[in-house]
Structures are given as structure tokens and as C-alpha cells.
Protein backbone atom coordinates (compact mmCIF):
# COMPACT_ATOMS: atom_id res chain seq x y z
CA UNK A 1 -1.19 -158.49 25.48
CA UNK A 2 -3.57 -161.25 26.56
CA UNK A 3 -3.50 -164.97 25.34
CA UNK A 4 -5.75 -164.11 22.39
CA UNK A 5 -3.06 -161.42 21.19
CA UNK A 6 -0.33 -163.98 21.45
CA UNK A 7 -2.44 -166.40 19.42
CA UNK A 8 -3.06 -163.97 16.62
CA UNK A 9 0.73 -163.17 16.67
CA UNK A 10 1.38 -166.70 16.13
CA UNK A 11 -0.97 -166.95 13.23
CA UNK A 12 0.39 -163.74 11.48
CA UNK A 13 3.91 -165.25 11.85
CA UNK A 14 2.78 -168.50 10.26
CA UNK A 15 1.15 -166.49 7.50
CA UNK A 16 4.14 -164.49 6.73
CA UNK A 17 6.31 -167.72 7.01
CA UNK A 18 4.38 -169.54 4.36
CA UNK A 19 4.23 -166.41 2.16
CA UNK A 20 8.09 -166.11 2.16
CA UNK A 21 8.34 -170.02 1.61
CA UNK A 22 5.96 -169.59 -1.41
CA UNK A 23 7.89 -166.50 -2.83
CA UNK A 24 11.15 -168.32 -2.30
CA UNK A 25 9.95 -171.23 -4.42
CA UNK A 26 8.67 -169.03 -7.19
CA UNK A 27 12.04 -167.15 -7.18
CA UNK A 28 13.79 -170.34 -7.81
CA UNK A 29 11.75 -171.21 -10.80
CA UNK A 30 12.28 -167.82 -12.56
């Protein structure tokens, strides 16, 4: 894993985290 791999991992984690936050908000509304 080079530096690029780590950066890609961080970006993936950010996307997953924001998706979880989004779904949590929509769950609360339902």
C-alpha cells in the first residue's frame, strides 16, 4: 500500500461515513 492507496482508502471511508449519516437522517424521518 503506497501513499495513493491510503488516500483512496480515506476517500472511501468518507463516502461510507457520509452515506451512513444520510441514511440515519432519513431513518429518523420515517
